[in-house]
Protein backbone atom coordinates (compact mmCIF):
# COMPACT_ATOMS: atom_id res chain seq x y z
CA MET A 1 -26.73 -8.36 -3.79
CA ALA A 2 -23.12 -7.19 -3.85
CA SER A 3 -20.31 -9.59 -4.55
CA ARG A 4 -17.74 -9.81 -1.80
CA VAL A 5 -13.97 -9.88 -1.78
CA VAL A 6 -11.91 -10.17 1.38
CA LEU A 7 -8.96 -7.85 1.87
CA ALA A 8 -6.20 -9.77 3.61
CA THR A 9 -5.23 -7.24 6.25
CA HIS A 10 -6.01 -6.41 9.85
CA ASN A 11 -5.26 -2.74 9.09
CA PRO A 12 -8.57 -0.81 9.11
CA HIS A 13 -6.93 2.10 7.22
CA LYS A 14 -6.18 -0.19 4.29
CA VAL A 15 -9.70 -1.67 4.33
CA GLU A 16 -11.21 1.81 4.18
CA GLU A 17 -8.80 3.00 1.48
CA PHE A 18 -9.37 -0.11 -0.66
CA GLY A 19 -13.12 0.21 -0.19
CA HIS A 20 -13.04 3.70 -1.72
CA ILE A 21 -10.74 2.67 -4.56
CA VAL A 22 -12.83 -0.41 -5.43
CA ALA A 23 -16.11 1.54 -5.25
CA ALA A 24 -14.88 3.90 -7.97
CA THR A 25 -14.83 1.06 -10.52
CA ARG A 26 -16.89 -1.77 -8.98
CA PRO A 27 -19.57 -0.23 -6.72
CA ASP A 28 -21.27 -3.63 -6.52
CA LEU A 29 -18.15 -5.27 -5.06
CA GLU A 30 -18.04 -5.16 -1.27
CA VAL A 31 -14.61 -5.18 0.37
CA VAL A 32 -14.69 -6.97 3.72
CA GLY A 33 -11.96 -7.13 6.32
CA TYR A 34 -10.10 -10.30 7.17
CA ASP A 35 -10.59 -11.75 10.65
CA GLY A 36 -8.51 -14.89 10.35
CA PRO A 37 -5.03 -15.75 11.57
CA GLU A 38 -2.22 -13.57 10.33
CA PRO A 39 0.20 -15.56 8.17
CA VAL A 40 3.94 -15.28 8.54
CA GLU A 41 5.15 -12.83 5.91
CA ASP A 42 8.53 -14.40 5.28
CA GLY A 43 8.88 -13.28 1.68
CA VAL A 44 11.60 -10.83 0.71
CA THR A 45 9.63 -9.14 -2.08
CA PHE A 46 6.32 -7.32 -2.19
CA ALA A 47 4.89 -9.98 -4.54
CA GLU A 48 5.87 -12.89 -2.30
CA ASN A 49 4.28 -11.31 0.76
CA ALA A 50 1.12 -10.24 -1.08
CA LEU A 51 0.59 -13.81 -2.32
CA ILE A 52 1.21 -15.28 1.15
CA LYS A 53 -1.51 -13.04 2.61
CA ALA A 54 -4.02 -13.49 -0.23
CA ARG A 55 -3.65 -17.29 -0.21
CA ALA A 56 -4.21 -17.42 3.55
CA ALA A 57 -7.31 -15.21 3.37
CA ALA A 58 -8.83 -17.13 0.45
CA ALA A 59 -8.25 -20.45 2.22
CA HIS A 60 -9.72 -19.18 5.50
CA THR A 61 -12.84 -17.49 4.07
CA GLY A 62 -13.52 -19.30 0.80
CA LEU A 63 -13.89 -15.86 -0.83
CA PRO A 64 -11.77 -14.27 -3.51
CA ALA A 65 -9.01 -12.49 -1.63
CA LEU A 66 -7.02 -9.36 -2.29
CA ALA A 67 -3.78 -8.62 -0.50
CA ASP A 68 -1.62 -5.57 -0.80
CA ASP A 69 2.01 -5.51 0.17
CA SER A 70 3.37 -2.03 -0.05
CA GLY A 71 6.08 0.23 1.18
CA ILE A 72 8.42 3.02 0.42
CA CYS A 73 11.56 2.57 -1.64
CA VAL A 74 14.24 5.22 -1.16
CA ASP A 75 16.82 5.58 -3.92
CA ALA A 76 19.60 6.80 -1.59
CA LEU A 77 19.10 3.63 0.48
CA GLY A 78 19.27 1.29 -2.49
CA GLY A 79 15.49 0.79 -2.51
CA ALA A 80 15.13 0.20 1.24
CA PRO A 81 13.04 -0.05 3.35
CA GLY A 82 11.06 -1.70 0.52
CA ALA A 83 9.31 -4.88 1.60
CA PHE A 84 10.50 -4.22 5.16
CA SER A 85 8.80 -0.81 5.44
CA ALA A 86 6.31 -1.86 8.13
CA TYR A 87 9.10 -3.26 10.33
CA TRP A 88 11.86 -0.74 9.59
CA ALA A 89 12.30 0.25 13.25
CA GLY A 90 11.60 -3.23 14.64
CA HIS A 91 8.94 -5.94 14.84
CA ARG A 92 6.38 -3.82 16.70
CA LYS A 93 5.08 -2.25 13.45
CA ASP A 94 5.44 1.20 15.01
CA ALA A 95 4.60 3.66 12.21
CA ALA A 96 5.93 6.72 14.07
CA ALA A 97 9.21 4.98 14.91
CA ASN A 98 9.59 3.81 11.30
CA LEU A 99 9.09 7.35 10.01
CA ASP A 100 11.48 8.88 12.56
CA LEU A 101 14.19 6.31 11.78
CA LEU A 102 13.92 6.91 8.04
CA LEU A 103 14.15 10.68 8.49
CA ASP A 104 17.19 10.22 10.72
CA GLN A 105 18.87 7.98 8.16
CA LEU A 106 18.35 10.62 5.47
CA SER A 107 19.24 13.65 7.61
CA ASP A 108 22.44 14.36 5.63
CA ILE A 109 20.91 13.75 2.19
CA ALA A 110 20.11 16.96 0.27
CA ASP A 111 16.73 17.45 -1.41
CA PRO A 112 17.66 16.63 -5.01
CA ARG A 113 18.80 13.17 -3.87
CA ARG A 114 15.81 12.40 -1.61
CA THR A 115 13.92 10.65 -4.42
CA ALA A 116 11.68 7.74 -3.52
CA HIS A 117 8.59 5.93 -4.65
CA PHE A 118 5.78 4.06 -2.99
CA THR A 119 5.25 0.56 -4.36
CA SER A 120 2.04 -1.42 -4.08
CA VAL A 121 1.77 -5.01 -5.23
CA ILE A 122 -1.74 -6.44 -5.13
CA ALA A 123 -2.34 -10.17 -5.31
CA LEU A 124 -5.74 -11.60 -6.20
CA VAL A 125 -6.34 -15.22 -5.28
CA VAL A 126 -9.63 -16.77 -6.37
CA PRO A 127 -10.40 -20.17 -4.81
CA GLY A 128 -10.25 -22.61 -7.70
CA GLY A 129 -9.68 -19.75 -10.13
CA GLY A 130 -6.03 -18.85 -10.12
CA GLU A 131 -3.69 -16.15 -8.89
CA HIS A 132 -2.82 -12.74 -10.31
CA VAL A 133 -0.28 -10.09 -9.26
CA VAL A 134 -0.17 -6.43 -10.33
CA GLU A 135 2.07 -3.52 -9.34
CA GLY A 136 1.66 0.24 -8.97
CA LEU A 137 4.38 2.84 -8.39
CA TRP A 138 3.92 6.39 -7.06
CA PRO A 139 7.08 8.46 -7.62
CA GLY A 140 8.15 11.40 -5.51
CA ARG A 141 10.68 12.45 -2.92
CA LEU A 142 10.92 12.73 0.85
CA ALA A 143 10.42 15.86 2.93
CA THR A 144 12.82 16.67 5.76
CA GLN A 145 10.04 16.64 8.33
CA ALA A 146 6.54 15.25 8.63
CA ARG A 147 3.64 17.41 7.43
CA GLY A 148 -0.07 16.66 7.47
CA ALA A 149 -2.35 14.53 9.59
CA GLY A 150 -3.95 12.55 6.75
CA GLY A 151 -3.05 9.11 5.49
CA PHE A 152 -0.85 6.78 7.50
CA GLY A 153 2.60 5.25 7.57
CA TYR A 154 5.13 7.27 5.57
CA ASP A 155 2.50 9.55 3.98
CA PRO A 156 3.47 12.66 6.04
CA ILE A 157 7.00 12.70 4.55
CA PHE A 158 6.25 11.66 0.95
CA ILE A 159 5.91 14.47 -1.62
CA PRO A 160 4.34 13.05 -4.80
CA ASP A 161 5.72 14.11 -8.18
CA GLY A 162 3.65 16.17 -10.60
CA GLN A 163 2.22 18.80 -8.26
CA SER A 164 1.86 22.40 -9.34
CA GLY A 165 2.10 25.28 -6.91
CA ALA A 166 2.82 24.60 -3.24
CA GLU A 167 3.89 21.00 -2.89
CA ARG A 168 2.08 18.87 -0.33
CA THR A 169 2.95 15.58 1.27
CA ALA A 170 0.62 12.61 0.88
CA GLY A 171 -0.36 13.33 4.50
CA GLU A 172 -1.68 16.74 3.39
CA LEU A 173 -3.77 15.39 0.51
CA THR A 174 -7.47 14.75 0.92
CA ALA A 175 -8.53 11.10 0.91
CA ALA A 176 -10.07 11.61 -2.54
CA GLU A 177 -6.86 13.12 -3.92
CA LYS A 178 -4.74 10.32 -2.51
CA ASN A 179 -7.10 7.58 -3.69
CA ALA A 180 -7.00 8.99 -7.23
CA GLN A 181 -3.21 8.86 -7.59
CA SER A 182 -1.66 6.60 -4.98
CA HIS A 183 0.41 3.49 -5.62
CA ARG A 184 -2.59 1.38 -4.54
CA ALA A 185 -4.88 3.21 -6.96
CA ARG A 186 -2.38 2.62 -9.76
CA ALA A 187 -2.06 -1.06 -8.93
CA PHE A 188 -5.82 -1.38 -8.65
CA ARG A 189 -6.33 0.12 -12.10
CA ALA A 190 -4.21 -2.72 -13.45
CA LEU A 191 -6.26 -5.20 -11.42
CA ALA A 192 -9.70 -3.81 -12.29
CA PRO A 193 -10.21 -5.90 -15.46
CA LEU A 194 -9.66 -9.06 -13.42
CA LEU A 195 -12.23 -8.02 -10.82
CA ARG A 196 -14.92 -7.61 -13.48
CA ASP A 197 -15.07 -11.40 -13.72
CA LEU A 198 -15.68 -11.95 -9.99
C-alpha cells in the first residue's frame, strides 16, 4: 500500500505536476490533494507562506504535508513579483491578468536585461516529526510575448537558461521536459532524502 502525503494546494495543476515529480523518485508515495480550508497566506517570503500552508494541511488531515510557494522573480523589478506572483494584478488570482501586467511593466526593458528566475520553496511538515524547508531556482529570462499553451502561470513568457538551438518558453516545453528541470523539480531533489523516511 502506498504511503500518502497531502499537497497543500487547491490548484489541480500543482497536484498533477507534483505527482509526476514525486513518482520519479518515490513511486510508492501517493500525492493527494488538499480539501480543507485555505489558510491566510500573510507571509512576505516564499518560506513563510509555504510553512503556513503545510502546517494547515498537516493539522487538518493528520498526514505529512507538502506545500510549495513559488513565483517569478524579475531582476529589473528588484525581485518582484516574488512571493506576490499569484496576486500581482489583484486578489482574484487571475493568471492571464498577472502575465499581461508583468509584460506591460517590462515593455521598455531590452532583452539582455529581462533576466528572471522562478523560485520554489517547498515545506514539509510531518505531524509530530518536525518541519523542513528547501528551495529550488530556475534561471532564465522573459520573452516579450507569451508563447506556448503548456504549463500555467508565467510559463508562457519564461525562457529557461541552458537551451541549445531555438529557445522555447516553459509554456512550449513538454510536461516531462518541464518536470525534469523546473524550480519545483530542483527543490524536490533537495527534499527527496527527507521523503525517504516517510
